[in-house]
Amino acid sequence: KINFKEKYSKFTKHWSPRIVAEMNDYQFKLAKIKGEFVWHDHKHTDETFIVIEGEMTLKFRDSKVKLRQGEMYVVPKGVEHKPCADNECKILVVEPRGVINTGDAVGDMTILEDMWI
């Protein structure tokens, strides 16, 4: 069994997802977010955001979606988005193994290596 509270206690860095489980080809990643991420998309896969604690906003070029604790949103493949959180927010991201967190927008926030906790 996986205890989210215990897993979140093992890291502090924002925008640095940690894998806690795999199911078939999908990974379950815990992350702490605060501030703004980068505009990006994932050309070949959808991406699911589930808010465990706090609240966040998914910005799109023409709209935005606010998510609170216990809510989720699936960003369709190819849709440019920018996750943001005014205060620290704890999320669970579900996506296929091998997905780069910044899509093709490689930069300072890109995580190229899987980190398990």
PDB file of N, CA and C in Angstrom:
ATOM      1  N   LYS A   1       0.850  -1.185   0.000  1.00  0.00           N
ATOM      2  CA  LYS A   1       0.000   0.000   0.000  1.00  0.00           C
ATOM      3  C   LYS A   1       0.885   1.233   0.000  1.00  0.00           C
ATOM      4  N   ILE A   2       0.355   2.311  -0.533  1.00  0.00           N
ATOM      5  CA  ILE A   2       1.098   3.567  -0.649  1.00  0.00           C
ATOM      6  C   ILE A   2       0.368   4.638   0.148  1.00  0.00           C
ATOM      7  N   ASN A   3       1.088   5.279   1.047  1.00  0.00           N
ATOM      8  CA  ASN A   3       0.534   6.340   1.866  1.00  0.00           C
ATOM      9  C   ASN A   3       1.036   7.671   1.312  1.00  0.00           C
ATOM     10  N   PHE A   4       0.138   8.472   0.741  1.00  0.00           N
ATOM     11  CA  PHE A   4       0.544   9.730   0.117  1.00  0.00           C
ATOM     12  C   PHE A   4       1.225  10.672   1.109  1.00  0.00           C
ATOM     13  N   LYS A   5       0.677  10.802   2.310  1.00  0.00           N
ATOM     14  CA  LYS A   5       1.256  11.716   3.304  1.00  0.00           C
ATOM     15  C   LYS A   5       2.705  11.331   3.588  1.00  0.00           C
ATOM     16  N   GLU A   6       2.961  10.044   3.757  1.00  0.00           N
ATOM     17  CA  GLU A   6       4.322   9.569   4.022  1.00  0.00           C
ATOM     18  C   GLU A   6       5.234   9.842   2.820  1.00  0.00           C
ATOM     19  N   LYS A   7       4.742   9.621   1.624  1.00  0.00           N
ATOM     20  CA  LYS A   7       5.547   9.850   0.413  1.00  0.00           C
ATOM     21  C   LYS A   7       5.851  11.335   0.229  1.00  0.00           C
ATOM     22  N   TYR A   8       4.850  12.199   0.454  1.00  0.00           N
ATOM     23  CA  TYR A   8       5.087  13.645   0.323  1.00  0.00           C
ATOM     24  C   TYR A   8       6.127  14.139   1.319  1.00  0.00           C
ATOM     25  N   SER A   9       6.257  13.479   2.477  1.00  0.00           N
ATOM     26  CA  SER A   9       7.224  13.908   3.487  1.00  0.00           C
ATOM     27  C   SER A   9       8.662  13.642   3.051  1.00  0.00           C
ATOM     28  N   LYS A  10       8.864  12.869   2.010  1.00  0.00           N
ATOM     29  CA  LYS A  10      10.209  12.488   1.567  1.00  0.00           C
ATOM     30  C   LYS A  10      10.854  13.478   0.586  1.00  0.00           C
ATOM     31  N   PHE A  11      10.112  14.520   0.156  1.00  0.00           N
ATOM     32  CA  PHE A  11      10.716  15.502  -0.742  1.00  0.00           C
ATOM     33  C   PHE A  11      10.084  16.875  -0.527  1.00  0.00           C
ATOM     34  N   THR A  12      10.828  17.920  -0.895  1.00  0.00           N
ATOM     35  CA  THR A  12      10.342  19.281  -0.705  1.00  0.00           C
ATOM     36  C   THR A  12      10.323  20.101  -1.999  1.00  0.00           C
ATOM     37  N   LYS A  13      11.084  19.694  -2.988  1.00  0.00           N
ATOM     38  CA  LYS A  13      11.247  20.486  -4.211  1.00  0.00           C
ATOM     39  C   LYS A  13       9.950  20.558  -5.015  1.00  0.00           C
ATOM     40  N   HIS A  14       9.608  21.790  -5.420  1.00  0.00           N
ATOM     41  CA  HIS A  14       8.438  21.994  -6.263  1.00  0.00           C
ATOM     42  C   HIS A  14       8.759  21.625  -7.709  1.00  0.00           C
ATOM     43  N   TRP A  15       7.721  21.200  -8.431  1.00  0.00           N
ATOM     44  CA  TRP A  15       7.820  20.864  -9.856  1.00  0.00           C
ATOM     45  C   TRP A  15       8.799  19.726 -10.114  1.00  0.00           C
ATOM     46  N   SER A  16       8.916  18.813  -9.183  1.00  0.00           N
ATOM     47  CA  SER A  16       9.828  17.676  -9.298  1.00  0.00           C
ATOM     48  C   SER A  16       9.069  16.380  -8.999  1.00  0.00           C
ATOM     49  N   PRO A  17       8.296  15.894  -9.982  1.00  0.00           N
ATOM     50  CA  PRO A  17       7.426  14.731  -9.736  1.00  0.00           C
ATOM     51  C   PRO A  17       8.199  13.478  -9.335  1.00  0.00           C
ATOM     52  N   ARG A  18       7.604  12.715  -8.400  1.00  0.00           N
ATOM     53  CA  ARG A  18       8.198  11.472  -7.903  1.00  0.00           C
ATOM     54  C   ARG A  18       7.231  10.324  -8.171  1.00  0.00           C
ATOM     55  N   ILE A  19       7.718   9.283  -8.771  1.00  0.00           N
ATOM     56  CA  ILE A  19       6.888   8.133  -9.105  1.00  0.00           C
ATOM     57  C   ILE A  19       6.663   7.292  -7.855  1.00  0.00           C
ATOM     58  N   VAL A  20       5.399   6.921  -7.637  1.00  0.00           N
ATOM     59  CA  VAL A  20       5.066   6.075  -6.492  1.00  0.00           C
ATOM     60  C   VAL A  20       4.536   4.715  -6.929  1.00  0.00           C
ATOM     61  N   ALA A  21       4.126   4.596  -8.190  1.00  0.00           N
ATOM     62  CA  ALA A  21       3.590   3.315  -8.669  1.00  0.00           C
ATOM     63  C   ALA A  21       3.507   3.309 -10.184  1.00  0.00           C
ATOM     64  N   GLU A  22       3.438   2.098 -10.729  1.00  0.00           N
ATOM     65  CA  GLU A  22       3.170   1.904 -12.154  1.00  0.00           C
ATOM     66  C   GLU A  22       2.033   0.903 -12.298  1.00  0.00           C
ATOM     67  N   MET A  23       1.210   1.113 -13.307  1.00  0.00           N
ATOM     68  CA  MET A  23       0.157   0.167 -13.650  1.00  0.00           C
ATOM     69  C   MET A  23       0.190   0.023 -15.165  1.00  0.00           C
ATOM     70  N   ASN A  24       0.506  -1.173 -15.626  1.00  0.00           N
ATOM     71  CA  ASN A  24       0.721  -1.399 -17.049  1.00  0.00           C
ATOM     72  C   ASN A  24       1.784  -0.410 -17.522  1.00  0.00           C
ATOM     73  N   ASP A  25       1.484   0.457 -18.468  1.00  0.00           N
ATOM     74  CA  ASP A  25       2.473   1.416 -18.958  1.00  0.00           C
ATOM     75  C   ASP A  25       2.286   2.805 -18.353  1.00  0.00           C
ATOM     76  N   TYR A  26       1.432   2.917 -17.337  1.00  0.00           N
ATOM     77  CA  TYR A  26       1.158   4.220 -16.734  1.00  0.00           C
ATOM     78  C   TYR A  26       1.887   4.402 -15.411  1.00  0.00           C
ATOM     79  N   GLN A  27       2.324   5.650 -15.180  1.00  0.00           N
ATOM     80  CA  GLN A  27       2.992   5.987 -13.929  1.00  0.00           C
ATOM     81  C   GLN A  27       2.114   6.932 -13.113  1.00  0.00           C
ATOM     82  N   PHE A  28       2.175   6.767 -11.797  1.00  0.00           N
ATOM     83  CA  PHE A  28       1.487   7.623 -10.847  1.00  0.00           C
ATOM     84  C   PHE A  28       2.566   8.460 -10.170  1.00  0.00           C
ATOM     85  N   LYS A  29       2.497   9.783 -10.361  1.00  0.00           N
ATOM     86  CA  LYS A  29       3.551  10.680  -9.890  1.00  0.00           C
ATOM     87  C   LYS A  29       2.986  11.695  -8.908  1.00  0.00           C
ATOM     88  N   LEU A  30       3.612  11.763  -7.735  1.00  0.00           N
ATOM     89  CA  LEU A  30       3.262  12.795  -6.765  1.00  0.00           C
ATOM     90  C   LEU A  30       4.139  14.011  -7.025  1.00  0.00           C
ATOM     91  N   ALA A  31       3.559  15.188  -6.874  1.00  0.00           N
ATOM     92  CA  ALA A  31       4.334  16.418  -7.050  1.00  0.00           C
ATOM     93  C   ALA A  31       3.801  17.483  -6.113  1.00  0.00           C
ATOM     94  N   LYS A  32       4.714  18.366  -5.730  1.00  0.00           N
ATOM     95  CA  LYS A  32       4.348  19.579  -5.007  1.00  0.00           C
ATOM     96  C   LYS A  32       4.572  20.710  -6.001  1.00  0.00           C
ATOM     97  N   ILE A  33       3.574  21.568  -6.149  1.00  0.00           N
ATOM     98  CA  ILE A  33       3.708  22.667  -7.099  1.00  0.00           C
ATOM     99  C   ILE A  33       3.433  23.990  -6.404  1.00  0.00           C
ATOM    100  N   LYS A  34       4.108  25.017  -6.891  1.00  0.00           N
ATOM    101  CA  LYS A  34       3.901  26.379  -6.393  1.00  0.00           C
ATOM    102  C   LYS A  34       4.457  27.329  -7.427  1.00  0.00           C
ATOM    103  N   GLY A  35       3.710  28.388  -7.715  1.00  0.00           N
ATOM    104  CA  GLY A  35       4.122  29.319  -8.748  1.00  0.00           C
ATOM    105  C   GLY A  35       3.615  28.850 -10.106  1.00  0.00           C
ATOM    106  N   GLU A  36       4.333  29.231 -11.154  1.00  0.00           N
ATOM    107  CA  GLU A  36       3.899  28.890 -12.500  1.00  0.00           C
ATOM    108  C   GLU A  36       4.886  27.937 -13.158  1.00  0.00           C
ATOM    109  N   PHE A  37       4.356  26.981 -13.902  1.00  0.00           N
ATOM    110  CA  PHE A  37       5.168  26.058 -14.688  1.00  0.00           C
ATOM    111  C   PHE A  37       5.385  26.696 -16.058  1.00  0.00           C
ATOM    112  N   VAL A  38       5.758  25.936 -17.043  1.00  0.00           N
ATOM    113  CA  VAL A  38       5.987  26.452 -18.396  1.00  0.00           C
ATOM    114  C   VAL A  38       4.830  26.027 -19.306  1.00  0.00           C
ATOM    115  N   TRP A  39       4.586  26.814 -20.340  1.00  0.00           N
ATOM    116  CA  TRP A  39       3.625  26.407 -21.359  1.00  0.00           C
ATOM    117  C   TRP A  39       4.190  25.187 -22.070  1.00  0.00           C
ATOM    118  N   HIS A  40       3.366  24.161 -22.229  1.00  0.00           N
ATOM    119  CA  HIS A  40       3.814  22.951 -22.919  1.00  0.00           C
ATOM    120  C   HIS A  40       2.616  22.104 -23.329  1.00  0.00           C
ATOM    121  N   ASP A  41       2.886  21.104 -24.148  1.00  0.00           N
ATOM    122  CA  ASP A  41       1.854  20.118 -24.465  1.00  0.00           C
ATOM    123  C   ASP A  41       2.510  18.750 -24.565  1.00  0.00           C
ATOM    124  N   HIS A  42       1.673  17.744 -24.672  1.00  0.00           N
ATOM    125  CA  HIS A  42       2.137  16.375 -24.864  1.00  0.00           C
ATOM    126  C   HIS A  42       1.433  15.876 -26.123  1.00  0.00           C
ATOM    127  N   LYS A  43       2.180  15.807 -27.203  1.00  0.00           N
ATOM    128  CA  LYS A  43       1.602  15.526 -28.515  1.00  0.00           C
ATOM    129  C   LYS A  43       0.975  14.136 -28.639  1.00  0.00           C
ATOM    130  N   HIS A  44       1.433  13.164 -27.834  1.00  0.00           N
ATOM    131  CA  HIS A  44       0.993  11.783 -28.025  1.00  0.00           C
ATOM    132  C   HIS A  44       0.183  11.198 -26.877  1.00  0.00           C
ATOM    133  N   THR A  45      -0.106  11.990 -25.851  1.00  0.00           N
ATOM    134  CA  THR A  45      -0.843  11.417 -24.715  1.00  0.00           C
ATOM    135  C   THR A  45      -1.626  12.468 -23.941  1.00  0.00           C
ATOM    136  N   ASP A  46      -2.715  12.020 -23.328  1.00  0.00           N
ATOM    137  CA  ASP A  46      -3.447  12.842 -22.373  1.00  0.00           C
ATOM    138  C   ASP A  46      -2.643  12.879 -21.074  1.00  0.00           C
ATOM    139  N   GLU A  47      -2.976  13.824 -20.200  1.00  0.00           N
ATOM    140  CA  GLU A  47      -2.310  13.942 -18.901  1.00  0.00           C
ATOM    141  C   GLU A  47      -3.379  14.231 -17.849  1.00  0.00           C
ATOM    142  N   THR A  48      -3.389  13.455 -16.767  1.00  0.00           N
ATOM    143  CA  THR A  48      -4.392  13.611 -15.725  1.00  0.00           C
ATOM    144  C   THR A  48      -3.790  14.279 -14.492  1.00  0.00           C
ATOM    145  N   PHE A  49      -4.465  15.312 -13.995  1.00  0.00           N
ATOM    146  CA  PHE A  49      -4.079  16.013 -12.777  1.00  0.00           C
ATOM    147  C   PHE A  49      -5.148  15.758 -11.718  1.00  0.00           C
ATOM    148  N   ILE A  50      -4.737  15.286 -10.539  1.00  0.00           N
ATOM    149  CA  ILE A  50      -5.640  15.069  -9.419  1.00  0.00           C
ATOM    150  C   ILE A  50      -5.097  15.863  -8.234  1.00  0.00           C
ATOM    151  N   VAL A  51      -5.913  16.733  -7.659  1.00  0.00           N
ATOM    152  CA  VAL A  51      -5.465  17.540  -6.525  1.00  0.00           C
ATOM    153  C   VAL A  51      -5.698  16.761  -5.233  1.00  0.00           C
ATOM    154  N   ILE A  52      -4.606  16.516  -4.525  1.00  0.00           N
ATOM    155  CA  ILE A  52      -4.650  15.805  -3.252  1.00  0.00           C
ATOM    156  C   ILE A  52      -4.847  16.792  -2.100  1.00  0.00           C
ATOM    157  N   GLU A  53      -4.157  17.931  -2.185  1.00  0.00           N
ATOM    158  CA  GLU A  53      -4.261  18.956  -1.126  1.00  0.00           C
ATOM    159  C   GLU A  53      -3.994  20.323  -1.741  1.00  0.00           C
ATOM    160  N   GLY A  54      -4.809  21.312  -1.402  1.00  0.00           N
ATOM    161  CA  GLY A  54      -4.625  22.665  -1.910  1.00  0.00           C
ATOM    162  C   GLY A  54      -5.467  22.914  -3.146  1.00  0.00           C
ATOM    163  N   GLU A  55      -5.028  23.882  -3.945  1.00  0.00           N
ATOM    164  CA  GLU A  55      -5.716  24.170  -5.201  1.00  0.00           C
ATOM    165  C   GLU A  55      -4.733  24.663  -6.236  1.00  0.00           C
ATOM    166  N   MET A  56      -5.093  24.445  -7.487  1.00  0.00           N
ATOM    167  CA  MET A  56      -4.244  24.816  -8.606  1.00  0.00           C
ATOM    168  C   MET A  56      -5.117  25.307  -9.751  1.00  0.00           C
ATOM    169  N   THR A  57      -4.463  25.909 -10.740  1.00  0.00           N
ATOM    170  CA  THR A  57      -5.150  26.341 -11.952  1.00  0.00           C
ATOM    171  C   THR A  57      -4.416  25.762 -13.146  1.00  0.00           C
ATOM    172  N   LEU A  58      -5.176  25.225 -14.067  1.00  0.00           N
ATOM    173  CA  LEU A  58      -4.629  24.809 -15.355  1.00  0.00           C
ATOM    174  C   LEU A  58      -4.987  25.907 -16.347  1.00  0.00           C
ATOM    175  N   LYS A  59      -3.967  26.630 -16.813  1.00  0.00           N
ATOM    176  CA  LYS A  59      -4.199  27.690 -17.793  1.00  0.00           C
ATOM    177  C   LYS A  59      -4.094  27.093 -19.191  1.00  0.00           C
ATOM    178  N   PHE A  60      -5.003  27.534 -20.054  1.00  0.00           N
ATOM    179  CA  PHE A  60      -4.980  27.206 -21.466  1.00  0.00           C
ATOM    180  C   PHE A  60      -4.907  28.527 -22.218  1.00  0.00           C
ATOM    181  N   ARG A  61      -4.583  28.498 -23.476  1.00  0.00           N
ATOM    182  CA  ARG A  61      -4.424  29.755 -24.220  1.00  0.00           C
ATOM    183  C   ARG A  61      -5.707  30.579 -24.251  1.00  0.00           C
ATOM    184  N   ASP A  62      -6.869  29.928 -24.158  1.00  0.00           N
ATOM    185  CA  ASP A  62      -8.135  30.655 -24.254  1.00  0.00           C
ATOM    186  C   ASP A  62      -9.052  30.477 -23.048  1.00  0.00           C
ATOM    187  N   SER A  63      -8.563  29.809 -21.993  1.00  0.00           N
ATOM    188  CA  SER A  63      -9.402  29.586 -20.816  1.00  0.00           C
ATOM    189  C   SER A  63      -8.544  29.097 -19.651  1.00  0.00           C
ATOM    190  N   LYS A  64      -9.194  28.809 -18.535  1.00  0.00           N
ATOM    191  CA  LYS A  64      -8.488  28.208 -17.407  1.00  0.00           C
ATOM    192  C   LYS A  64      -9.471  27.375 -16.594  1.00  0.00           C
ATOM    193  N   VAL A  65      -8.925  26.402 -15.864  1.00  0.00           N
ATOM    194  CA  VAL A  65      -9.726  25.529 -15.018  1.00  0.00           C
ATOM    195  C   VAL A  65      -9.098  25.522 -13.635  1.00  0.00           C
ATOM    196  N   LYS A  66      -9.888  25.873 -12.626  1.00  0.00           N
ATOM    197  CA  LYS A  66      -9.413  25.848 -11.243  1.00  0.00           C
ATOM    198  C   LYS A  66      -9.777  24.499 -10.634  1.00  0.00           C
ATOM    199  N   LEU A  67      -8.798  23.853  -9.993  1.00  0.00           N
ATOM    200  CA  LEU A  67      -9.020  22.562  -9.351  1.00  0.00           C
ATOM    201  C   LEU A  67      -8.733  22.685  -7.862  1.00  0.00           C
ATOM    202  N   ARG A  68      -9.629  22.101  -7.073  1.00  0.00           N
ATOM    203  CA  ARG A  68      -9.469  22.075  -5.618  1.00  0.00           C
ATOM    204  C   ARG A  68      -9.279  20.645  -5.151  1.00  0.00           C
ATOM    205  N   GLN A  69      -8.948  20.489  -3.891  1.00  0.00           N
ATOM    206  CA  GLN A  69      -8.746  19.166  -3.296  1.00  0.00           C
ATOM    207  C   GLN A  69      -9.893  18.228  -3.671  1.00  0.00           C
ATOM    208  N   GLY A  70      -9.527  17.032  -4.150  1.00  0.00           N
ATOM    209  CA  GLY A  70     -10.525  16.038  -4.508  1.00  0.00           C
ATOM    210  C   GLY A  70     -11.041  16.151  -5.929  1.00  0.00           C
ATOM    211  N   GLU A  71     -10.506  17.092  -6.702  1.00  0.00           N
ATOM    212  CA  GLU A  71     -10.935  17.260  -8.088  1.00  0.00           C
ATOM    213  C   GLU A  71      -9.826  16.847  -9.052  1.00  0.00           C
ATOM    214  N   MET A  72     -10.243  16.501 -10.279  1.00  0.00           N
ATOM    215  CA  MET A  72      -9.269  16.107 -11.293  1.00  0.00           C
ATOM    216  C   MET A  72      -9.668  16.661 -12.648  1.00  0.00           C
ATOM    217  N   TYR A  73      -8.679  16.678 -13.536  1.00  0.00           N
ATOM    218  CA  TYR A  73      -8.904  17.149 -14.901  1.00  0.00           C
ATOM    219  C   TYR A  73      -7.978  16.378 -15.827  1.00  0.00           C
ATOM    220  N   VAL A  74      -8.500  16.000 -16.981  1.00  0.00           N
ATOM    221  CA  VAL A  74      -7.693  15.329 -17.994  1.00  0.00           C
ATOM    222  C   VAL A  74      -7.416  16.320 -19.117  1.00  0.00           C
ATOM    223  N   VAL A  75      -6.137  16.656 -19.314  1.00  0.00           N
ATOM    224  CA  VAL A  75      -5.733  17.530 -20.409  1.00  0.00           C
ATOM    225  C   VAL A  75      -5.550  16.646 -21.643  1.00  0.00           C
ATOM    226  N   PRO A  76      -6.325  16.891 -22.705  1.00  0.00           N
ATOM    227  CA  PRO A  76      -6.201  16.062 -23.904  1.00  0.00           C
ATOM    228  C   PRO A  76      -4.842  16.236 -24.579  1.00  0.00           C
ATOM    229  N   LYS A  77      -4.408  15.179 -25.247  1.00  0.00           N
ATOM    230  CA  LYS A  77      -3.122  15.247 -25.944  1.00  0.00           C
ATOM    231  C   LYS A  77      -3.120  16.397 -26.938  1.00  0.00           C
ATOM    232  N   GLY A  78      -1.948  17.033 -27.038  1.00  0.00           N
ATOM    233  CA  GLY A  78      -1.772  18.123 -27.981  1.00  0.00           C
ATOM    234  C   GLY A  78      -2.286  19.470 -27.520  1.00  0.00           C
ATOM    235  N   VAL A  79      -2.924  19.554 -26.350  1.00  0.00           N
ATOM    236  CA  VAL A  79      -3.475  20.827 -25.856  1.00  0.00           C
ATOM    237  C   VAL A  79      -2.423  21.525 -24.998  1.00  0.00           C
ATOM    238  N   GLU A  80      -2.050  22.731 -25.400  1.00  0.00           N
ATOM    239  CA  GLU A  80      -1.047  23.490 -24.650  1.00  0.00           C
ATOM    240  C   GLU A  80      -1.649  23.936 -23.321  1.00  0.00           C
ATOM    241  N   HIS A  81      -0.871  23.766 -22.261  1.00  0.00           N
ATOM    242  CA  HIS A  81      -1.349  24.113 -20.925  1.00  0.00           C
ATOM    243  C   HIS A  81      -0.197  24.564 -20.042  1.00  0.00           C
ATOM    244  N   LYS A  82      -0.579  25.202 -18.934  1.00  0.00           N
ATOM    245  CA  LYS A  82       0.396  25.733 -17.979  1.00  0.00           C
ATOM    246  C   LYS A  82      -0.177  25.583 -16.572  1.00  0.00           C
ATOM    247  N   PRO A  83       0.295  24.586 -15.809  1.00  0.00           N
ATOM    248  CA  PRO A  83      -0.162  24.437 -14.424  1.00  0.00           C
ATOM    249  C   PRO A  83       0.391  25.565 -13.541  1.00  0.00           C
ATOM    250  N   CYS A  84      -0.431  26.024 -12.604  1.00  0.00           N
ATOM    251  CA  CYS A  84      -0.037  27.102 -11.690  1.00  0.00           C
ATOM    252  C   CYS A  84      -0.673  26.862 -10.321  1.00  0.00           C
ATOM    253  N   ALA A  85      -0.018  27.381  -9.277  1.00  0.00           N
ATOM    254  CA  ALA A  85      -0.587  27.334  -7.928  1.00  0.00           C
ATOM    255  C   ALA A  85      -0.053  28.523  -7.137  1.00  0.00           C
ATOM    256  N   ASP A  86      -0.945  29.323  -6.573  1.00  0.00           N
ATOM    257  CA  ASP A  86      -0.525  30.474  -5.772  1.00  0.00           C
ATOM    258  C   ASP A  86       0.192  30.030  -4.497  1.00  0.00           C
ATOM    259  N   ASN A  87      -0.307  28.963  -3.884  1.00  0.00           N
ATOM    260  CA  ASN A  87       0.300  28.390  -2.684  1.00  0.00           C
ATOM    261  C   ASN A  87       0.653  26.946  -2.986  1.00  0.00           C
ATOM    262  N   GLU A  88       1.467  26.346  -2.126  1.00  0.00           N
ATOM    263  CA  GLU A  88       1.843  24.961  -2.388  1.00  0.00           C
ATOM    264  C   GLU A  88       0.602  24.080  -2.545  1.00  0.00           C
ATOM    265  N   CYS A  89       0.629  23.256  -3.560  1.00  0.00           N
ATOM    266  CA  CYS A  89      -0.456  22.337  -3.867  1.00  0.00           C
ATOM    267  C   CYS A  89       0.163  20.959  -4.105  1.00  0.00           C
ATOM    268  N   LYS A  90      -0.464  19.945  -3.563  1.00  0.00           N
ATOM    269  CA  LYS A  90       0.023  18.580  -3.739  1.00  0.00           C
ATOM    270  C   LYS A  90      -0.881  17.875  -4.745  1.00  0.00           C
ATOM    271  N   ILE A  91      -0.262  17.327  -5.784  1.00  0.00           N
ATOM    272  CA  ILE A  91      -1.037  16.711  -6.853  1.00  0.00           C
ATOM    273  C   ILE A  91      -0.539  15.299  -7.158  1.00  0.00           C
ATOM    274  N   LEU A  92      -1.396  14.552  -7.818  1.00  0.00           N
ATOM    275  CA  LEU A  92      -1.058  13.247  -8.367  1.00  0.00           C
ATOM    276  C   LEU A  92      -1.257  13.365  -9.872  1.00  0.00           C
ATOM    277  N   VAL A  93      -0.222  13.052 -10.636  1.00  0.00           N
ATOM    278  CA  VAL A  93      -0.277  13.093 -12.095  1.00  0.00           C
ATOM    279  C   VAL A  93      -0.229  11.658 -12.601  1.00  0.00           C
ATOM    280  N   VAL A  94      -1.107  11.348 -13.548  1.00  0.00           N
ATOM    281  CA  VAL A  94      -1.140  10.017 -14.139  1.00  0.00           C
ATOM    282  C   VAL A  94      -0.878  10.169 -15.630  1.00  0.00           C
ATOM    283  N   GLU A  95       0.169   9.488 -16.099  1.00  0.00           N
ATOM    284  CA  GLU A  95       0.540   9.571 -17.511  1.00  0.00           C
ATOM    285  C   GLU A  95       1.392   8.360 -17.878  1.00  0.00           C
ATOM    286  N   PRO A  96       1.513   8.082 -19.172  1.00  0.00           N
ATOM    287  CA  PRO A  96       2.313   6.926 -19.587  1.00  0.00           C
ATOM    288  C   PRO A  96       3.791   7.075 -19.206  1.00  0.00           C
ATOM    289  N   ARG A  97       4.429   5.950 -18.979  1.00  0.00           N
ATOM    290  CA  ARG A  97       5.871   5.916 -18.707  1.00  0.00           C
ATOM    291  C   ARG A  97       6.612   6.614 -19.853  1.00  0.00           C
ATOM    292  N   GLY A  98       7.631   7.391 -19.501  1.00  0.00           N
ATOM    293  CA  GLY A  98       8.470   8.035 -20.507  1.00  0.00           C
ATOM    294  C   GLY A  98       8.050   9.436 -20.915  1.00  0.00           C
ATOM    295  N   VAL A  99       6.934   9.932 -20.393  1.00  0.00           N
ATOM    296  CA  VAL A  99       6.485  11.282 -20.731  1.00  0.00           C
ATOM    297  C   VAL A  99       7.396  12.296 -20.041  1.00  0.00           C
ATOM    298  N   ILE A 100       7.882  13.265 -20.805  1.00  0.00           N
ATOM    299  CA  ILE A 100       8.713  14.346 -20.265  1.00  0.00           C
ATOM    300  C   ILE A 100       7.778  15.427 -19.718  1.00  0.00           C
ATOM    301  N   ASN A 101       8.018  15.867 -18.496  1.00  0.00           N
ATOM    302  CA  ASN A 101       7.095  16.786 -17.817  1.00  0.00           C
ATOM    303  C   ASN A 101       6.849  18.092 -18.570  1.00  0.00           C
ATOM    304  N   THR A 102       7.816  18.553 -19.357  1.00  0.00           N
ATOM    305  CA  THR A 102       7.659  19.803 -20.099  1.00  0.00           C
ATOM    306  C   THR A 102       7.363  19.575 -21.585  1.00  0.00           C
ATOM    307  N   GLY A 103       7.054  18.350 -21.966  1.00  0.00           N
ATOM    308  CA  GLY A 103       6.799  18.070 -23.380  1.00  0.00           C
ATOM    309  C   GLY A 103       8.018  18.424 -24.209  1.00  0.00           C
ATOM    310  N   ASP A 104       7.795  19.138 -25.307  1.00  0.00           N
ATOM    311  CA  ASP A 104       8.907  19.566 -26.175  1.00  0.00           C
ATOM    312  C   ASP A 104       9.560  20.862 -25.693  1.00  0.00           C
ATOM    313  N   ALA A 105       9.005  21.491 -24.665  1.00  0.00           N
ATOM    314  CA  ALA A 105       9.521  22.758 -24.152  1.00  0.00           C
ATOM    315  C   ALA A 105      10.633  22.495 -23.134  1.00  0.00           C
ATOM    316  N   VAL A 106      11.729  21.929 -23.586  1.00  0.00           N
ATOM    317  CA  VAL A 106      12.834  21.562 -22.694  1.00  0.00           C
ATOM    318  C   VAL A 106      13.517  22.816 -22.151  1.00  0.00           C
ATOM    319  N   GLY A 107      13.727  22.833 -20.829  1.00  0.00           N
ATOM    320  CA  GLY A 107      14.357  23.977 -20.188  1.00  0.00           C
ATOM    321  C   GLY A 107      14.732  23.653 -18.759  1.00  0.00           C
ATOM    322  N   ASP A 108      14.832  24.691 -17.932  1.00  0.00           N
ATOM    323  CA  ASP A 108      15.262  24.542 -16.542  1.00  0.00           C
ATOM    324  C   ASP A 108      14.340  23.644 -15.710  1.00  0.00           C
ATOM    325  N   MET A 109      13.082  23.545 -16.065  1.00  0.00           N
ATOM    326  CA  MET A 109      12.127  22.777 -15.268  1.00  0.00           C
ATOM    327  C   MET A 109      11.947  21.346 -15.782  1.00  0.00           C
ATOM    328  N   THR A 110      12.678  20.990 -16.811  1.00  0.00           N
ATOM    329  CA  THR A 110      12.552  19.661 -17.399  1.00  0.00           C
ATOM    330  C   THR A 110      13.198  18.598 -16.506  1.00  0.00           C
ATOM    331  N   ILE A 111      12.472  17.515 -16.283  1.00  0.00           N
ATOM    332  CA  ILE A 111      12.971  16.362 -15.532  1.00  0.00           C
ATOM    333  C   ILE A 111      13.158  15.222 -16.543  1.00  0.00           C
ATOM    334  N   LEU A 112      14.399  14.840 -16.788  1.00  0.00           N
ATOM    335  CA  LEU A 112      14.677  13.822 -17.791  1.00  0.00           C
ATOM    336  C   LEU A 112      14.835  12.426 -17.202  1.00  0.00           C
ATOM    337  N   GLU A 113      14.974  12.349 -15.900  1.00  0.00           N
ATOM    338  CA  GLU A 113      15.223  11.065 -15.251  1.00  0.00           C
ATOM    339  C   GLU A 113      14.110  10.754 -14.253  1.00  0.00           C
ATOM    340  N   ASP A 114      13.554   9.535 -14.337  1.00  0.00           N
ATOM    341  CA  ASP A 114      12.527   9.124 -13.391  1.00  0.00           C
ATOM    342  C   ASP A 114      13.081   9.112 -11.969  1.00  0.00           C
ATOM    343  N   MET A 115      12.310   9.642 -11.032  1.00  0.00           N
ATOM    344  CA  MET A 115      12.673   9.624  -9.617  1.00  0.00           C
ATOM    345  C   MET A 115      11.581   8.896  -8.852  1.00  0.00           C
ATOM    346  N   TRP A 116      11.939   7.786  -8.237  1.00  0.00           N
ATOM    347  CA  TRP A 116      11.009   6.981  -7.446  1.00  0.00           C
ATOM    348  C   TRP A 116      11.146   7.316  -5.965  1.00  0.00           C
ATOM    349  N   ILE A 117      10.037   7.266  -5.252  1.00  0.00           N
ATOM    350  CA  ILE A 117      10.072   7.335  -3.790  1.00  0.00           C
ATOM    351  C   ILE A 117       9.193   6.237  -3.244  1.00  0.00           C
TER     352      ILE A 117
END
